[in-house]
Amino acid sequence: DKTVEEVNPSVALELGTYCGYSAVRIARLLKAGAHLLTVEFNPEFAAI
């Protein structure tokens, strides 16, 4: 959280989505117009 708030990114990338916990955690802190790309190799995890 602290790192995302300090960086205040417009474009962020996550490698390893798993169940989406950290994607939700990052996304809730993004400013208007910013977005997160999150990459997941496992199709079952991606669906969850």
All heavy atoms as atom14 arrays in JSON, in Angstrom:
{
  "sequence": "DKTVEEVNPSVALELGTYCGYSAVRIARLLKAGAHLLTVEFNPEFAAI",
  "atom14_mask": [
    [1, 1, 1, 1, 1, 1, 1, 1, 0, 0, 0, 0, 0, 0],
    [1, 1, 1, 1, 1, 1, 1, 1, 1, 0, 0, 0, 0, 0],
    [1, 1, 1, 1, 1, 1, 1, 0, 0, 0, 0, 0, 0, 0],
    [1, 1, 1, 1, 1, 1, 1, 0, 0, 0, 0, 0, 0, 0],
    [1, 1, 1, 1, 1, 1, 1, 1, 1, 0, 0, 0, 0, 0],
    [1, 1, 1, 1, 1, 1, 1, 1, 1, 0, 0, 0, 0, 0],
    [1, 1, 1, 1, 1, 1, 1, 0, 0, 0, 0, 0, 0, 0],
    [1, 1, 1, 1, 1, 1, 1, 1, 0, 0, 0, 0, 0, 0],
    [1, 1, 1, 1, 1, 1, 1, 0, 0, 0, 0, 0, 0, 0],
    [1, 1, 1, 1, 1, 1, 0, 0, 0, 0, 0, 0, 0, 0],
    [1, 1, 1, 1, 1, 1, 1, 0, 0, 0, 0, 0, 0, 0],
    [1, 1, 1, 1, 1, 0, 0, 0, 0, 0, 0, 0, 0, 0],
    [1, 1, 1, 1, 1, 1, 1, 1, 0, 0, 0, 0, 0, 0],
    [1, 1, 1, 1, 1, 1, 1, 1, 1, 0, 0, 0, 0, 0],
    [1, 1, 1, 1, 1, 1, 1, 1, 0, 0, 0, 0, 0, 0],
    [1, 1, 1, 1, 0, 0, 0, 0, 0, 0, 0, 0, 0, 0],
    [1, 1, 1, 1, 1, 1, 1, 0, 0, 0, 0, 0, 0, 0],
    [1, 1, 1, 1, 1, 1, 1, 1, 1, 1, 1, 1, 0, 0],
    [1, 1, 1, 1, 1, 1, 0, 0, 0, 0, 0, 0, 0, 0],
    [1, 1, 1, 1, 0, 0, 0, 0, 0, 0, 0, 0, 0, 0],
    [1, 1, 1, 1, 1, 1, 1, 1, 1, 1, 1, 1, 0, 0],
    [1, 1, 1, 1, 1, 1, 0, 0, 0, 0, 0, 0, 0, 0],
    [1, 1, 1, 1, 1, 0, 0, 0, 0, 0, 0, 0, 0, 0],
    [1, 1, 1, 1, 1, 1, 1, 0, 0, 0, 0, 0, 0, 0],
    [1, 1, 1, 1, 1, 1, 1, 1, 1, 1, 1, 0, 0, 0],
    [1, 1, 1, 1, 1, 1, 1, 1, 0, 0, 0, 0, 0, 0],
    [1, 1, 1, 1, 1, 0, 0, 0, 0, 0, 0, 0, 0, 0],
    [1, 1, 1, 1, 1, 1, 1, 1, 1, 1, 1, 0, 0, 0],
    [1, 1, 1, 1, 1, 1, 1, 1, 0, 0, 0, 0, 0, 0],
    [1, 1, 1, 1, 1, 1, 1, 1, 0, 0, 0, 0, 0, 0],
    [1, 1, 1, 1, 1, 1, 1, 1, 1, 0, 0, 0, 0, 0],
    [1, 1, 1, 1, 1, 0, 0, 0, 0, 0, 0, 0, 0, 0],
    [1, 1, 1, 1, 0, 0, 0, 0, 0, 0, 0, 0, 0, 0],
    [1, 1, 1, 1, 1, 0, 0, 0, 0, 0, 0, 0, 0, 0],
    [1, 1, 1, 1, 1, 1, 1, 1, 1, 1, 0, 0, 0, 0],
    [1, 1, 1, 1, 1, 1, 1, 1, 0, 0, 0, 0, 0, 0],
    [1, 1, 1, 1, 1, 1, 1, 1, 0, 0, 0, 0, 0, 0],
    [1, 1, 1, 1, 1, 1, 1, 0, 0, 0, 0, 0, 0, 0],
    [1, 1, 1, 1, 1, 1, 1, 0, 0, 0, 0, 0, 0, 0],
    [1, 1, 1, 1, 1, 1, 1, 1, 1, 0, 0, 0, 0, 0],
    [1, 1, 1, 1, 1, 1, 1, 1, 1, 1, 1, 0, 0, 0],
    [1, 1, 1, 1, 1, 1, 1, 1, 0, 0, 0, 0, 0, 0],
    [1, 1, 1, 1, 1, 1, 1, 0, 0, 0, 0, 0, 0, 0],
    [1, 1, 1, 1, 1, 1, 1, 1, 1, 0, 0, 0, 0, 0],
    [1, 1, 1, 1, 1, 1, 1, 1, 1, 1, 1, 0, 0, 0],
    [1, 1, 1, 1, 1, 0, 0, 0, 0, 0, 0, 0, 0, 0],
    [1, 1, 1, 1, 1, 0, 0, 0, 0, 0, 0, 0, 0, 0],
    [1, 1, 1, 1, 1, 1, 1, 1, 0, 0, 0, 0, 0, 0]
  ],
  "atom14_positions": [
    [[0.83, -1.21, 0.0], [0.0, 0.0, 0.0], [0.86, 1.26, 0.0], [0.64, 2.18, -0.79], [-0.9, 0.03, 1.24], [-2.02, -1.01, 1.21], [-2.18, -1.67, 0.16], [-2.71, -1.15, 2.22], [0.0, 0.0, 0.0], [0.0, 0.0, 0.0], [0.0, 0.0, 0.0], [0.0, 0.0, 0.0], [0.0, 0.0, 0.0], [0.0, 0.0, 0.0]],
    [[1.83, 1.29, 0.91], [2.68, 2.47, 1.06], [3.44, 2.76, -0.23], [3.56, 3.92, -0.66], [3.66, 2.26, 2.21], [4.58, 3.46, 2.47], [5.56, 3.18, 3.59], [6.52, 4.35, 3.79], [7.54, 4.06, 4.84], [0.0, 0.0, 0.0], [0.0, 0.0, 0.0], [0.0, 0.0, 0.0], [0.0, 0.0, 0.0], [0.0, 0.0, 0.0]],
    [[3.95, 1.7, -0.86], [4.72, 1.87, -2.1], [3.83, 2.39, -3.22], [4.22, 3.31, -3.96], [5.37, 0.54, -2.51], [6.14, 0.02, -1.41], [6.29, 0.72, -3.7], [0.0, 0.0, 0.0], [0.0, 0.0, 0.0], [0.0, 0.0, 0.0], [0.0, 0.0, 0.0], [0.0, 0.0, 0.0], [0.0, 0.0, 0.0], [0.0, 0.0, 0.0]],
    [[2.64, 1.82, -3.36], [1.71, 2.27, -4.4], [1.32, 3.73, -4.17], [1.29, 4.53, -5.11], [0.44, 1.38, -4.44], [-0.61, 1.96, -5.38], [0.8, -0.03, -4.88], [0.0, 0.0, 0.0], [0.0, 0.0, 0.0], [0.0, 0.0, 0.0], [0.0, 0.0, 0.0], [0.0, 0.0, 0.0], [0.0, 0.0, 0.0], [0.0, 0.0, 0.0]],
    [[1.06, 4.1, -2.93], [0.69, 5.48, -2.62], [1.83, 6.45, -2.91], [1.61, 7.57, -3.39], [0.26, 5.57, -1.15], [-1.09, 4.92, -0.88], [-1.42, 4.8, 0.59], [-0.48, 4.91, 1.43], [-2.6, 4.58, 0.92], [0.0, 0.0, 0.0], [0.0, 0.0, 0.0], [0.0, 0.0, 0.0], [0.0, 0.0, 0.0], [0.0, 0.0, 0.0]],
    [[3.07, 6.02, -2.64], [4.23, 6.87, -2.92], [4.45, 7.06, -4.41], [4.75, 8.16, -4.88], [5.48, 6.27, -2.28], [5.53, 6.38, -0.75], [6.73, 5.66, -0.16], [7.41, 4.92, -0.91], [6.97, 5.83, 1.05], [0.0, 0.0, 0.0], [0.0, 0.0, 0.0], [0.0, 0.0, 0.0], [0.0, 0.0, 0.0], [0.0, 0.0, 0.0]],
    [[4.32, 5.97, -5.16], [4.55, 6.03, -6.61], [3.39, 6.74, -7.32], [3.6, 7.46, -8.3], [4.74, 4.6, -7.18], [4.89, 4.64, -8.7], [5.95, 3.94, -6.54], [0.0, 0.0, 0.0], [0.0, 0.0, 0.0], [0.0, 0.0, 0.0], [0.0, 0.0, 0.0], [0.0, 0.0, 0.0], [0.0, 0.0, 0.0], [0.0, 0.0, 0.0]],
    [[2.16, 6.49, -6.84], [0.95, 7.05, -7.45], [0.93, 6.76, -8.95], [0.87, 7.68, -9.79], [0.87, 8.55, -7.2], [-0.49, 9.13, -7.52], [-1.5, 8.42, -7.51], [-0.54, 10.42, -7.83], [0.0, 0.0, 0.0], [0.0, 0.0, 0.0], [0.0, 0.0, 0.0], [0.0, 0.0, 0.0], [0.0, 0.0, 0.0], [0.0, 0.0, 0.0]],
    [[0.98, 5.48, -9.33], [1.17, 5.12, -10.74], [-0.04, 5.4, -11.62], [-1.19, 5.34, -11.18], [1.43, 3.61, -10.65], [0.66, 3.18, -9.44], [0.82, 4.3, -8.47], [0.0, 0.0, 0.0], [0.0, 0.0, 0.0], [0.0, 0.0, 0.0], [0.0, 0.0, 0.0], [0.0, 0.0, 0.0], [0.0, 0.0, 0.0], [0.0, 0.0, 0.0]],
    [[0.25, 5.69, -12.88], [-0.8, 5.77, -13.9], [-0.96, 4.41, -14.56], [-2.07, 4.01, -14.91], [-0.44, 6.82, -14.96], [-0.42, 8.12, -14.39], [0.0, 0.0, 0.0], [0.0, 0.0, 0.0], [0.0, 0.0, 0.0], [0.0, 0.0, 0.0], [0.0, 0.0, 0.0], [0.0, 0.0, 0.0], [0.0, 0.0, 0.0], [0.0, 0.0, 0.0]],
    [[0.17, 3.7, -14.73], [0.15, 2.35, -15.31], [0.97, 1.43, -14.4], [2.15, 1.67, -14.15], [0.74, 2.32, -16.72], [0.62, 0.92, -17.32], [0.06, 3.34, -17.62], [0.0, 0.0, 0.0], [0.0, 0.0, 0.0], [0.0, 0.0, 0.0], [0.0, 0.0, 0.0], [0.0, 0.0, 0.0], [0.0, 0.0, 0.0], [0.0, 0.0, 0.0]],
    [[0.32, 0.39, -13.9], [0.99, -0.57, -13.02], [0.88, -1.97, -13.61], [-0.07, -2.28, -14.34], [0.36, -0.54, -11.63], [0.0, 0.0, 0.0], [0.0, 0.0, 0.0], [0.0, 0.0, 0.0], [0.0, 0.0, 0.0], [0.0, 0.0, 0.0], [0.0, 0.0, 0.0], [0.0, 0.0, 0.0], [0.0, 0.0, 0.0], [0.0, 0.0, 0.0]],
    [[1.86, -2.8, -13.29], [1.89, -4.18, -13.76], [2.1, -5.1, -12.57], [2.96, -4.85, -11.72], [3.04, -4.38, -14.76], [3.3, -5.82, -15.22], [2.16, -6.33, -16.1], [4.63, -5.92, -15.98], [0.0, 0.0, 0.0], [0.0, 0.0, 0.0], [0.0, 0.0, 0.0], [0.0, 0.0, 0.0], [0.0, 0.0, 0.0], [0.0, 0.0, 0.0]],
    [[1.3, -6.15, -12.51], [1.47, -7.19, -11.5], [1.78, -8.51, -12.2], [1.07, -8.89, -13.14], [0.21, -7.36, -10.64], [0.3, -8.51, -9.65], [-1.0, -8.79, -8.92], [-2.08, -8.66, -9.53], [-0.94, -9.17, -7.75], [0.0, 0.0, 0.0], [0.0, 0.0, 0.0], [0.0, 0.0, 0.0], [0.0, 0.0, 0.0], [0.0, 0.0, 0.0]],
    [[2.82, -9.19, -11.75], [3.16, -10.51, -12.28], [2.8, -11.54, -11.22], [3.44, -11.61, -10.18], [4.64, -10.57, -12.64], [5.11, -9.55, -13.7], [6.61, -9.65, -13.92], [4.36, -9.75, -15.01], [0.0, 0.0, 0.0], [0.0, 0.0, 0.0], [0.0, 0.0, 0.0], [0.0, 0.0, 0.0], [0.0, 0.0, 0.0], [0.0, 0.0, 0.0]],
    [[1.76, -12.32, -11.47], [1.27, -13.31, -10.52], [-0.01, -12.86, -9.83], [0.02, -12.32, -8.73], [0.0, 0.0, 0.0], [0.0, 0.0, 0.0], [0.0, 0.0, 0.0], [0.0, 0.0, 0.0], [0.0, 0.0, 0.0], [0.0, 0.0, 0.0], [0.0, 0.0, 0.0], [0.0, 0.0, 0.0], [0.0, 0.0, 0.0], [0.0, 0.0, 0.0]],
    [[-1.15, -13.06, -10.5], [-2.44, -12.59, -9.98], [-2.95, -13.46, -8.84], [-3.55, -12.97, -7.88], [-3.51, -12.58, -11.1], [-2.96, -12.02, -12.28], [-4.74, -11.8, -10.68], [0.0, 0.0, 0.0], [0.0, 0.0, 0.0], [0.0, 0.0, 0.0], [0.0, 0.0, 0.0], [0.0, 0.0, 0.0], [0.0, 0.0, 0.0], [0.0, 0.0, 0.0]],
    [[-2.76, -14.77, -8.98], [-3.32, -15.78, -8.08], [-4.84, -15.58, -7.95], [-5.53, -15.61, -8.95], [-2.59, -15.77, -6.73], [-3.0, -16.92, -5.81], [-3.12, -18.22, -6.3], [-3.25, -16.71, -4.46], [-3.49, -19.27, -5.48], [-3.61, -17.75, -3.62], [-3.74, -19.03, -4.14], [-4.1, -20.07, -3.31], [0.0, 0.0, 0.0], [0.0, 0.0, 0.0]],
    [[-5.35, -15.32, -6.74], [-6.8, -15.18, -6.56], [-7.29, -13.74, -6.71], [-8.48, -13.47, -6.53], [-7.22, -15.71, -5.19], [-7.12, -17.5, -5.02], [0.0, 0.0, 0.0], [0.0, 0.0, 0.0], [0.0, 0.0, 0.0], [0.0, 0.0, 0.0], [0.0, 0.0, 0.0], [0.0, 0.0, 0.0], [0.0, 0.0, 0.0], [0.0, 0.0, 0.0]],
    [[-6.38, -12.82, -6.99], [-6.78, -11.44, -7.19], [-6.65, -10.55, -5.98], [-7.03, -9.37, -6.02], [0.0, 0.0, 0.0], [0.0, 0.0, 0.0], [0.0, 0.0, 0.0], [0.0, 0.0, 0.0], [0.0, 0.0, 0.0], [0.0, 0.0, 0.0], [0.0, 0.0, 0.0], [0.0, 0.0, 0.0], [0.0, 0.0, 0.0], [0.0, 0.0, 0.0]],
    [[-6.09, -11.08, -4.89], [-5.97, -10.3, -3.64], [-5.17, -9.02, -3.85], [-5.64, -7.92, -3.55], [-5.33, -11.17, -2.56], [-5.09, -10.46, -1.23], [-6.02, -10.56, -0.2], [-3.94, -9.71, -1.0], [-5.8, -9.91, 1.02], [-3.72, -9.06, 0.2], [-4.65, -9.18, 1.21], [-4.43, -8.53, 2.4], [0.0, 0.0, 0.0], [0.0, 0.0, 0.0]],
    [[-3.94, -9.15, -4.34], [-3.09, -7.98, -4.49], [-3.57, -7.07, -5.63], [-3.35, -5.86, -5.58], [-1.63, -8.38, -4.7], [-1.51, -9.38, -5.69], [0.0, 0.0, 0.0], [0.0, 0.0, 0.0], [0.0, 0.0, 0.0], [0.0, 0.0, 0.0], [0.0, 0.0, 0.0], [0.0, 0.0, 0.0], [0.0, 0.0, 0.0], [0.0, 0.0, 0.0]],
    [[-4.23, -7.64, -6.63], [-4.81, -6.81, -7.7], [-5.87, -5.89, -7.12], [-5.92, -4.69, -7.44], [-5.4, -7.68, -8.8], [0.0, 0.0, 0.0], [0.0, 0.0, 0.0], [0.0, 0.0, 0.0], [0.0, 0.0, 0.0], [0.0, 0.0, 0.0], [0.0, 0.0, 0.0], [0.0, 0.0, 0.0], [0.0, 0.0, 0.0], [0.0, 0.0, 0.0]],
    [[-6.73, -6.44, -6.26], [-7.75, -5.63, -5.59], [-7.09, -4.6, -4.67], [-7.49, -3.44, -4.62], [-8.71, -6.53, -4.77], [-9.64, -5.69, -3.89], [-9.52, -7.42, -5.7], [0.0, 0.0, 0.0], [0.0, 0.0, 0.0], [0.0, 0.0, 0.0], [0.0, 0.0, 0.0], [0.0, 0.0, 0.0], [0.0, 0.0, 0.0], [0.0, 0.0, 0.0]],
    [[-6.05, -5.05, -3.99], [-5.34, -4.17, -3.03], [-4.72, -2.97, -3.76], [-4.77, -1.84, -3.28], [-4.29, -4.97, -2.29], [-3.63, -4.22, -1.16], [-3.17, -5.11, -0.03], [-3.04, -4.28, 1.16], [-3.44, -4.65, 2.37], [-4.0, -5.81, 2.58], [-3.29, -3.82, 3.39], [0.0, 0.0, 0.0], [0.0, 0.0, 0.0], [0.0, 0.0, 0.0]],
    [[-4.09, -3.22, -4.9], [-3.47, -2.15, -5.68], [-4.54, -1.26, -6.33], [-4.47, -0.03, -6.26], [-2.54, -2.73, -6.77], [-1.35, -3.44, -6.13], [-2.07, -1.64, -7.72], [-0.52, -4.28, -7.1], [0.0, 0.0, 0.0], [0.0, 0.0, 0.0], [0.0, 0.0, 0.0], [0.0, 0.0, 0.0], [0.0, 0.0, 0.0], [0.0, 0.0, 0.0]],
    [[-5.54, -1.88, -6.94], [-6.55, -1.15, -7.7], [-7.32, -0.16, -6.84], [-7.68, 0.94, -7.3], [-7.51, -2.12, -8.37], [0.0, 0.0, 0.0], [0.0, 0.0, 0.0], [0.0, 0.0, 0.0], [0.0, 0.0, 0.0], [0.0, 0.0, 0.0], [0.0, 0.0, 0.0], [0.0, 0.0, 0.0], [0.0, 0.0, 0.0], [0.0, 0.0, 0.0]],
    [[-7.58, -0.52, -5.6], [-8.36, 0.36, -4.72], [-7.63, 1.66, -4.42], [-8.25, 2.64, -3.97], [-8.72, -0.38, -3.43], [-7.7, -0.31, -2.32], [-7.97, -1.33, -1.23], [-7.37, -0.98, 0.04], [-6.07, -1.06, 0.35], [-5.21, -1.49, -0.58], [-5.63, -0.73, 1.54], [0.0, 0.0, 0.0], [0.0, 0.0, 0.0], [0.0, 0.0, 0.0]],
    [[-6.3, 1.7, -4.65], [-5.49, 2.89, -4.37], [-5.17, 3.71, -5.61], [-4.57, 4.78, -5.5], [-4.18, 2.47, -3.69], [-4.31, 1.75, -2.34], [-2.94, 1.27, -1.87], [-4.96, 2.66, -1.3], [0.0, 0.0, 0.0], [0.0, 0.0, 0.0], [0.0, 0.0, 0.0], [0.0, 0.0, 0.0], [0.0, 0.0, 0.0], [0.0, 0.0, 0.0]],
    [[-5.57, 3.23, -6.78], [-5.22, 3.92, -8.02], [-6.06, 5.18, -8.22], [-7.26, 5.2, -7.93], [-5.4, 2.99, -9.22], [-4.47, 1.77, -9.3], [-4.79, 0.94, -10.53], [-3.0, 2.2, -9.3], [0.0, 0.0, 0.0], [0.0, 0.0, 0.0], [0.0, 0.0, 0.0], [0.0, 0.0, 0.0], [0.0, 0.0, 0.0], [0.0, 0.0, 0.0]],
    [[-5.41, 6.2, -8.74], [-6.12, 7.46, -9.01], [-7.02, 7.29, -10.22], [-6.91, 6.31, -10.98], [-5.1, 8.57, -9.26], [-4.15, 8.29, -10.42], [-3.03, 9.31, -10.47], [-2.02, 8.95, -11.56], [-0.85, 9.86, -11.55], [0.0, 0.0, 0.0], [0.0, 0.0, 0.0], [0.0, 0.0, 0.0], [0.0, 0.0, 0.0], [0.0, 0.0, 0.0]],
    [[-7.89, 8.26, -10.42], [-8.81, 8.22, -11.57], [-8.01, 8.18, -12.87], [-7.04, 8.93, -13.05], [-9.7, 9.46, -11.54], [0.0, 0.0, 0.0], [0.0, 0.0, 0.0], [0.0, 0.0, 0.0], [0.0, 0.0, 0.0], [0.0, 0.0, 0.0], [0.0, 0.0, 0.0], [0.0, 0.0, 0.0], [0.0, 0.0, 0.0], [0.0, 0.0, 0.0]],
    [[-8.4, 7.28, -13.76], [-7.73, 7.15, -15.06], [-6.56, 6.2, -15.07], [-6.07, 5.83, -16.14], [0.0, 0.0, 0.0], [0.0, 0.0, 0.0], [0.0, 0.0, 0.0], [0.0, 0.0, 0.0], [0.0, 0.0, 0.0], [0.0, 0.0, 0.0], [0.0, 0.0, 0.0], [0.0, 0.0, 0.0], [0.0, 0.0, 0.0], [0.0, 0.0, 0.0]],
    [[-6.09, 5.79, -13.88], [-4.97, 4.84, -13.8], [-5.49, 3.42, -13.97], [-6.67, 3.14, -13.73], [-4.25, 4.99, -12.47], [0.0, 0.0, 0.0], [0.0, 0.0, 0.0], [0.0, 0.0, 0.0], [0.0, 0.0, 0.0], [0.0, 0.0, 0.0], [0.0, 0.0, 0.0], [0.0, 0.0, 0.0], [0.0, 0.0, 0.0], [0.0, 0.0, 0.0]],
    [[-4.6, 2.5, -14.35], [-5.04, 1.12, -14.5], [-3.9, 0.14, -14.18], [-2.72, 0.5, -14.23], [-5.61, 0.86, -15.89], [-4.62, 1.0, -17.0], [-4.25, 2.22, -17.53], [-3.92, 0.07, -17.72], [-3.38, 2.05, -18.5], [-3.14, 0.74, -18.63], [0.0, 0.0, 0.0], [0.0, 0.0, 0.0], [0.0, 0.0, 0.0], [0.0, 0.0, 0.0]],
    [[-4.31, -1.07, -13.85], [-3.4, -2.16, -13.51], [-3.54, -3.29, -14.51], [-4.66, -3.73, -14.8], [-3.71, -2.68, -12.1], [-3.05, -4.0, -11.68], [-1.54, -3.82, -11.47], [-3.7, -4.56, -10.41], [0.0, 0.0, 0.0], [0.0, 0.0, 0.0], [0.0, 0.0, 0.0], [0.0, 0.0, 0.0], [0.0, 0.0, 0.0], [0.0, 0.0, 0.0]],
    [[-2.41, -3.75, -15.03], [-2.37, -4.97, -15.84], [-1.83, -6.07, -14.94], [-0.75, -5.93, -14.36], [-1.45, -4.78, -17.05], [-1.85, -3.67, -18.03], [-0.7, -3.38, -18.98], [-3.09, -4.07, -18.79], [0.0, 0.0, 0.0], [0.0, 0.0, 0.0], [0.0, 0.0, 0.0], [0.0, 0.0, 0.0], [0.0, 0.0, 0.0], [0.0, 0.0, 0.0]],
    [[-2.57, -7.16, -14.81], [-2.13, -8.25, -13.95], [-2.04, -9.54, -14.75], [-2.94, -9.87, -15.51], [-3.06, -8.41, -12.72], [-2.58, -9.48, -11.89], [-4.5, -8.67, -13.12], [0.0, 0.0, 0.0], [0.0, 0.0, 0.0], [0.0, 0.0, 0.0], [0.0, 0.0, 0.0], [0.0, 0.0, 0.0], [0.0, 0.0, 0.0], [0.0, 0.0, 0.0]],
    [[-0.93, -10.23, -14.61], [-0.61, -11.4, -15.44], [-0.69, -12.68, -14.62], [-0.07, -12.79, -13.56], [0.8, -11.26, -16.06], [1.13, -12.48, -16.91], [0.9, -9.98, -16.88], [0.0, 0.0, 0.0], [0.0, 0.0, 0.0], [0.0, 0.0, 0.0], [0.0, 0.0, 0.0], [0.0, 0.0, 0.0], [0.0, 0.0, 0.0], [0.0, 0.0, 0.0]],
    [[-1.45, -13.67, -15.12], [-1.56, -14.96, -14.44], [-1.42, -16.09, -15.45], [-2.13, -16.13, -16.46], [-2.9, -15.07, -13.71], [-3.14, -16.41, -13.02], [-2.0, -16.82, -12.09], [-1.65, -16.03, -11.19], [-1.44, -17.93, -12.27], [0.0, 0.0, 0.0], [0.0, 0.0, 0.0], [0.0, 0.0, 0.0], [0.0, 0.0, 0.0], [0.0, 0.0, 0.0]],
    [[-0.51, -17.02, -15.14], [-0.25, -18.15, -16.03], [-1.29, -19.26, -15.89], [-1.68, -19.9, -16.86], [1.15, -18.7, -15.72], [1.49, -19.96, -16.47], [1.83, -19.92, -17.81], [1.48, -21.2, -15.83], [2.14, -21.07, -18.51], [1.79, -22.37, -16.52], [2.12, -22.3, -17.87], [0.0, 0.0, 0.0], [0.0, 0.0, 0.0], [0.0, 0.0, 0.0]],
    [[-1.77, -19.5, -14.66], [-2.68, -20.61, -14.36], [-4.12, -20.22, -14.71], [-4.68, -19.31, -14.11], [-2.56, -20.96, -12.87], [-3.35, -22.2, -12.5], [-4.51, -22.35, -12.88], [-2.73, -23.1, -11.74], [0.0, 0.0, 0.0], [0.0, 0.0, 0.0], [0.0, 0.0, 0.0], [0.0, 0.0, 0.0], [0.0, 0.0, 0.0], [0.0, 0.0, 0.0]],
    [[-4.76, -20.92, -15.66], [-6.12, -20.53, -16.07], [-7.16, -20.69, -14.96], [-8.13, -19.93, -14.92], [-6.42, -21.48, -17.25], [-5.44, -22.6, -17.12], [-4.23, -22.04, -16.46], [0.0, 0.0, 0.0], [0.0, 0.0, 0.0], [0.0, 0.0, 0.0], [0.0, 0.0, 0.0], [0.0, 0.0, 0.0], [0.0, 0.0, 0.0], [0.0, 0.0, 0.0]],
    [[-6.96, -21.66, -14.05], [-7.9, -21.83, -12.94], [-7.81, -20.65, -11.97], [-8.83, -20.12, -11.51], [-7.61, -23.14, -12.21], [-7.89, -24.38, -13.05], [-7.59, -25.67, -12.31], [-7.35, -25.61, -11.08], [-7.59, -26.73, -12.95], [0.0, 0.0, 0.0], [0.0, 0.0, 0.0], [0.0, 0.0, 0.0], [0.0, 0.0, 0.0], [0.0, 0.0, 0.0]],
    [[-6.59, -20.21, -11.69], [-6.41, -19.05, -10.82], [-6.98, -17.8, -11.49], [-7.61, -16.96, -10.84], [-4.93, -18.82, -10.5], [-4.3, -19.9, -9.67], [-2.91, -19.96, -9.53], [-5.06, -20.87, -9.04], [-2.3, -20.94, -8.76], [-4.46, -21.87, -8.27], [-3.07, -21.9, -8.13], [0.0, 0.0, 0.0], [0.0, 0.0, 0.0], [0.0, 0.0, 0.0]],
    [[-6.76, -17.67, -12.8], [-7.24, -16.5, -13.54], [-8.76, -16.4, -13.47], [-9.32, -15.3, -13.31], [-6.77, -16.56, -14.99], [0.0, 0.0, 0.0], [0.0, 0.0, 0.0], [0.0, 0.0, 0.0], [0.0, 0.0, 0.0], [0.0, 0.0, 0.0], [0.0, 0.0, 0.0], [0.0, 0.0, 0.0], [0.0, 0.0, 0.0], [0.0, 0.0, 0.0]],
    [[-9.44, -17.54, -13.59], [-10.9, -17.55, -13.54], [-11.41, -17.11, -12.17], [-12.39, -16.36, -12.06], [-11.42, -18.95, -13.87], [0.0, 0.0, 0.0], [0.0, 0.0, 0.0], [0.0, 0.0, 0.0], [0.0, 0.0, 0.0], [0.0, 0.0, 0.0], [0.0, 0.0, 0.0], [0.0, 0.0, 0.0], [0.0, 0.0, 0.0], [0.0, 0.0, 0.0]],
    [[-10.73, -17.57, -11.12], [-11.09, -17.17, -9.75], [-10.85, -15.67, -9.57], [-11.69, -14.94, -9.03], [-10.26, -17.95, -8.71], [-10.57, -19.46, -8.77], [-10.48, -17.4, -7.3], [-11.9, -19.86, -8.24], [0.0, 0.0, 0.0], [0.0, 0.0, 0.0], [0.0, 0.0, 0.0], [0.0, 0.0, 0.0], [0.0, 0.0, 0.0], [0.0, 0.0, 0.0]]
  ]
}
